[in-house]
N, C-alpha and C. Protein backbone atom coordinates (compact mmCIF):
# COMPACT_ATOMS: atom_id res chain seq x y z
N MET A 1 0.74 -0.99 -0.09
CA MET A 1 0.08 -0.06 0.00
C MET A 1 0.96 1.05 0.04
N ALA A 2 0.70 2.36 -0.87
CA ALA A 2 1.30 3.42 -0.82
C ALA A 2 0.81 4.22 0.22
N SER A 3 1.92 5.09 0.84
CA SER A 3 1.70 5.59 1.80
C SER A 3 1.59 7.28 1.67
N LYS A 4 1.25 7.52 0.34
CA LYS A 4 1.39 8.89 -0.18
C LYS A 4 -0.21 9.25 0.20
N ARG A 5 -0.44 10.55 0.42
CA ARG A 5 -1.87 11.06 0.74
C ARG A 5 -2.41 11.52 -0.49
N LYS A 6 -3.85 11.35 -0.30
CA LYS A 6 -4.39 11.97 -1.55
C LYS A 6 -4.77 13.24 -1.50
N ILE A 7 -4.60 14.21 -0.52
CA ILE A 7 -4.94 15.66 -0.46
C ILE A 7 -3.72 16.41 -0.66
N THR A 8 -2.58 15.92 0.18
CA THR A 8 -1.29 16.80 -0.15
C THR A 8 -0.11 16.13 -0.49
N ASN A 9 -0.46 14.79 -0.82
CA ASN A 9 1.03 13.97 -1.17
C ASN A 9 2.09 14.11 -0.41
N VAL A 10 1.89 13.94 1.08
CA VAL A 10 2.96 13.62 2.02
C VAL A 10 3.39 12.43 1.77
N LYS A 11 4.80 12.14 1.77
CA LYS A 11 5.41 11.01 1.87
C LYS A 11 6.23 10.64 2.81
N PRO A 12 6.56 9.43 3.18
CA PRO A 12 7.68 9.12 4.23
C PRO A 12 9.07 9.92 3.77
N MET A 13 9.96 10.18 4.69
CA MET A 13 11.21 10.46 4.58
C MET A 13 12.28 9.48 4.80
N PHE A 14 13.35 9.57 4.20
CA PHE A 14 14.28 8.39 4.47
C PHE A 14 15.48 8.85 5.08
N GLY A 15 16.38 8.44 6.14
CA GLY A 15 17.49 8.90 6.69
C GLY A 15 18.25 7.86 7.24
N GLN A 16 18.93 8.27 8.24
CA GLN A 16 19.85 7.21 9.02
C GLN A 16 19.57 7.52 10.51
N SER A 17 19.69 6.53 11.28
CA SER A 17 19.70 6.41 12.66
C SER A 17 21.49 6.21 12.86
N ARG A 18 22.00 7.01 13.94
CA ARG A 18 23.09 7.22 14.25
C ARG A 18 23.39 6.56 16.02
N SER A 19 24.21 5.62 16.12
CA SER A 19 24.49 5.36 17.48
C SER A 19 25.49 6.13 18.20
N LYS A 20 25.82 5.93 19.27
CA LYS A 20 27.13 6.69 19.98
C LYS A 20 28.43 6.17 19.34
N ALA A 21 28.35 5.19 18.79
CA ALA A 21 29.44 4.52 18.33
C ALA A 21 29.85 5.14 16.53
N PHE A 22 28.78 5.50 16.07
CA PHE A 22 28.58 6.31 14.84
C PHE A 22 28.25 5.26 13.94
N ASN A 23 27.64 4.09 14.16
CA ASN A 23 27.16 3.37 13.39
C ASN A 23 25.80 3.86 12.78
N THR A 24 25.84 3.37 11.40
CA THR A 24 24.51 3.71 10.50
C THR A 24 23.65 2.80 10.45
N VAL A 25 22.40 3.13 10.43
CA VAL A 25 21.31 2.34 10.03
C VAL A 25 20.24 3.06 9.19
N LYS A 26 19.95 2.45 7.98
CA LYS A 26 18.85 3.31 7.18
C LYS A 26 17.55 3.11 7.91
N ARG A 27 16.75 4.18 7.98
CA ARG A 27 15.30 4.03 8.34
C ARG A 27 14.39 4.88 7.57
N LYS A 28 13.09 4.86 8.10
CA LYS A 28 12.18 5.53 7.30
C LYS A 28 11.26 6.51 8.33
N PHE A 29 11.15 7.72 8.03
CA PHE A 29 10.50 8.62 9.04
C PHE A 29 9.10 8.93 8.52
N ALA A 30 8.22 8.03 8.90
CA ALA A 30 6.65 8.06 8.58
C ALA A 30 6.02 9.33 8.94
N PRO A 31 4.95 10.01 8.24
CA PRO A 31 4.44 11.18 8.63
C PRO A 31 3.22 10.78 9.91
N ASN A 32 2.85 11.63 10.55
CA ASN A 32 2.22 11.63 11.47
C ASN A 32 0.77 11.53 11.06
N LEU A 33 0.04 10.25 10.48
CA LEU A 33 -0.94 10.06 9.88
C LEU A 33 -2.13 9.87 10.95
N GLN A 34 -3.31 10.65 10.86
CA GLN A 34 -4.43 10.32 11.61
C GLN A 34 -5.64 10.07 10.61
N SER A 35 -6.64 9.56 11.16
CA SER A 35 -7.94 9.47 10.51
C SER A 35 -8.87 10.45 11.26
N LYS A 36 -9.51 11.27 10.39
CA LYS A 36 -10.62 12.35 10.92
C LYS A 36 -11.76 12.48 10.22
N ARG A 37 -12.83 12.30 11.03
CA ARG A 37 -14.31 12.87 10.30
C ARG A 37 -14.56 14.36 10.41
N ILE A 38 -14.69 15.00 9.35
CA ILE A 38 -14.99 16.32 9.05
C ILE A 38 -16.19 16.60 8.73
N TYR A 39 -17.06 17.45 9.32
CA TYR A 39 -18.24 17.86 8.93
C TYR A 39 -18.47 19.05 7.72
N VAL A 40 -19.07 18.72 6.70
CA VAL A 40 -19.10 19.75 5.58
C VAL A 40 -20.29 20.27 5.52
N PRO A 41 -20.74 21.41 5.82
CA PRO A 41 -22.03 21.94 5.88
C PRO A 41 -22.67 22.24 4.45
N ASP A 42 -21.71 22.03 3.43
CA ASP A 42 -22.23 22.44 1.89
C ASP A 42 -23.19 21.14 1.55
N ILE A 43 -22.48 20.04 1.96
CA ILE A 43 -23.18 18.71 1.44
C ILE A 43 -23.96 18.13 2.69
N ASP A 44 -23.87 18.68 3.69
CA ASP A 44 -24.62 18.10 5.00
C ASP A 44 -24.17 16.88 5.41
N ARG A 45 -23.07 16.50 5.50
CA ARG A 45 -22.52 15.07 5.94
C ARG A 45 -21.07 15.06 6.22
N PHE A 46 -20.56 14.14 6.88
CA PHE A 46 -19.54 13.95 7.39
C PHE A 46 -18.52 13.25 6.35
N VAL A 47 -17.40 13.79 6.21
CA VAL A 47 -16.35 13.14 5.21
C VAL A 47 -15.17 12.81 6.25
N LYS A 48 -14.62 11.14 5.86
CA LYS A 48 -13.63 10.81 6.63
C LYS A 48 -12.41 10.93 5.67
N VAL A 49 -11.40 11.56 6.26
CA VAL A 49 -10.11 11.72 5.44
C VAL A 49 -9.19 11.12 6.35
N ARG A 50 -7.97 10.96 5.89
CA ARG A 50 -6.57 10.60 6.57
C ARG A 50 -5.68 11.42 6.15
N VAL A 51 -5.33 12.29 7.15
CA VAL A 51 -4.46 13.29 6.88
C VAL A 51 -3.37 13.25 8.08
N THR A 52 -2.42 14.14 8.12
CA THR A 52 -1.25 14.45 9.03
C THR A 52 -1.78 15.41 9.98
N ALA A 53 -1.23 15.37 11.37
CA ALA A 53 -1.38 16.03 12.67
C ALA A 53 -1.53 17.63 12.09
N LYS A 54 -0.55 18.07 11.56
CA LYS A 54 -0.26 19.39 10.83
C LYS A 54 -1.13 19.66 10.08
N GLU A 55 -1.77 19.07 9.07
CA GLU A 55 -2.93 19.27 8.30
C GLU A 55 -4.16 19.37 9.05
N ILE A 56 -4.34 18.68 10.18
CA ILE A 56 -5.59 18.64 10.83
C ILE A 56 -5.82 19.92 11.45
N LYS A 57 -4.52 20.44 12.16
CA LYS A 57 -4.44 21.93 12.59
C LYS A 57 -5.02 22.85 11.67
N THR A 58 -4.31 22.74 10.58
CA THR A 58 -4.62 23.82 9.40
C THR A 58 -6.06 23.68 8.98
N ILE A 59 -6.80 22.31 8.85
CA ILE A 59 -8.33 22.43 8.61
C ILE A 59 -9.10 22.98 9.68
N ASP A 60 -8.73 22.80 10.81
CA ASP A 60 -9.46 23.17 11.92
C ASP A 60 -9.49 24.95 11.76
N ARG A 61 -8.43 25.51 11.39
CA ARG A 61 -8.01 26.85 11.45
C ARG A 61 -8.82 27.53 10.30
N ILE A 62 -8.91 27.08 8.93
CA ILE A 62 -9.22 27.68 7.94
C ILE A 62 -10.35 27.01 7.30
N GLY A 63 -10.78 25.73 7.80
CA GLY A 63 -11.77 24.85 7.16
C GLY A 63 -11.32 24.10 6.02
N LEU A 64 -12.10 22.90 5.73
CA LEU A 64 -11.93 21.95 4.57
C LEU A 64 -11.87 22.66 3.43
N ARG A 65 -12.85 23.38 3.03
CA ARG A 65 -13.22 23.86 1.72
C ARG A 65 -11.95 24.67 1.27
N THR A 66 -11.36 25.70 2.23
CA THR A 66 -10.48 26.41 1.70
C THR A 66 -9.09 25.78 1.63
N PHE A 67 -9.05 24.63 2.55
CA PHE A 67 -7.73 23.82 2.51
C PHE A 67 -7.61 23.16 1.10
N LEU A 68 -8.68 22.65 1.10
CA LEU A 68 -8.48 21.77 -0.54
C LEU A 68 -8.30 22.78 -1.58
N LYS A 69 -8.81 24.02 -1.60
CA LYS A 69 -8.94 24.99 -2.73
C LYS A 69 -7.22 25.13 -2.84
N ARG A 70 -6.43 25.45 -1.49
CA ARG A 70 -4.95 25.92 -1.89
C ARG A 70 -4.29 24.64 -2.30
N GLN A 71 -4.79 23.43 -1.92
CA GLN A 71 -4.03 22.28 -2.50
C GLN A 71 -4.42 22.07 -3.91
N GLY A 72 -5.41 22.75 -4.32
CA GLY A 72 -5.77 22.33 -6.08
C GLY A 72 -6.68 21.07 -6.17
N LYS A 73 -7.38 20.76 -5.06
CA LYS A 73 -8.04 19.45 -4.95
C LYS A 73 -9.64 19.93 -4.80
N LYS A 74 -10.59 19.11 -5.36
CA LYS A 74 -12.04 19.30 -5.20
C LYS A 74 -12.47 18.65 -4.26
N LEU A 75 -13.53 18.82 -3.52
CA LEU A 75 -14.09 18.15 -2.38
C LEU A 75 -14.84 16.80 -2.69
N GLU A 76 -14.96 16.87 -4.00
CA GLU A 76 -15.71 15.34 -4.64
C GLU A 76 -14.71 14.44 -4.69
N SER A 77 -13.34 14.77 -4.82
CA SER A 77 -12.12 13.76 -4.75
C SER A 77 -12.18 13.06 -3.46
N LEU A 78 -12.82 13.44 -2.34
CA LEU A 78 -12.80 12.72 -1.09
C LEU A 78 -14.18 12.07 -0.82
N LEU A 79 -15.13 12.21 -1.74
CA LEU A 79 -16.49 11.53 -1.58
C LEU A 79 -16.12 10.11 -2.14
């Protein structure tokens, strides 16, 4: 399963873990993904989205419709 998000295309980052002895191990930094039900008054129903914690804060502040407009997406893509 691809872990790229439908709304903002957030992907995992790759890097290295380092020990005190400076040994390196490749690892993956996964985004902080959360499932969230957001009420959309335009269509009078809830929409279930899987977004990062940072995106949830942004959606709470400016609203889902404005957030999707900034991302160049339409609400119909979530239904």
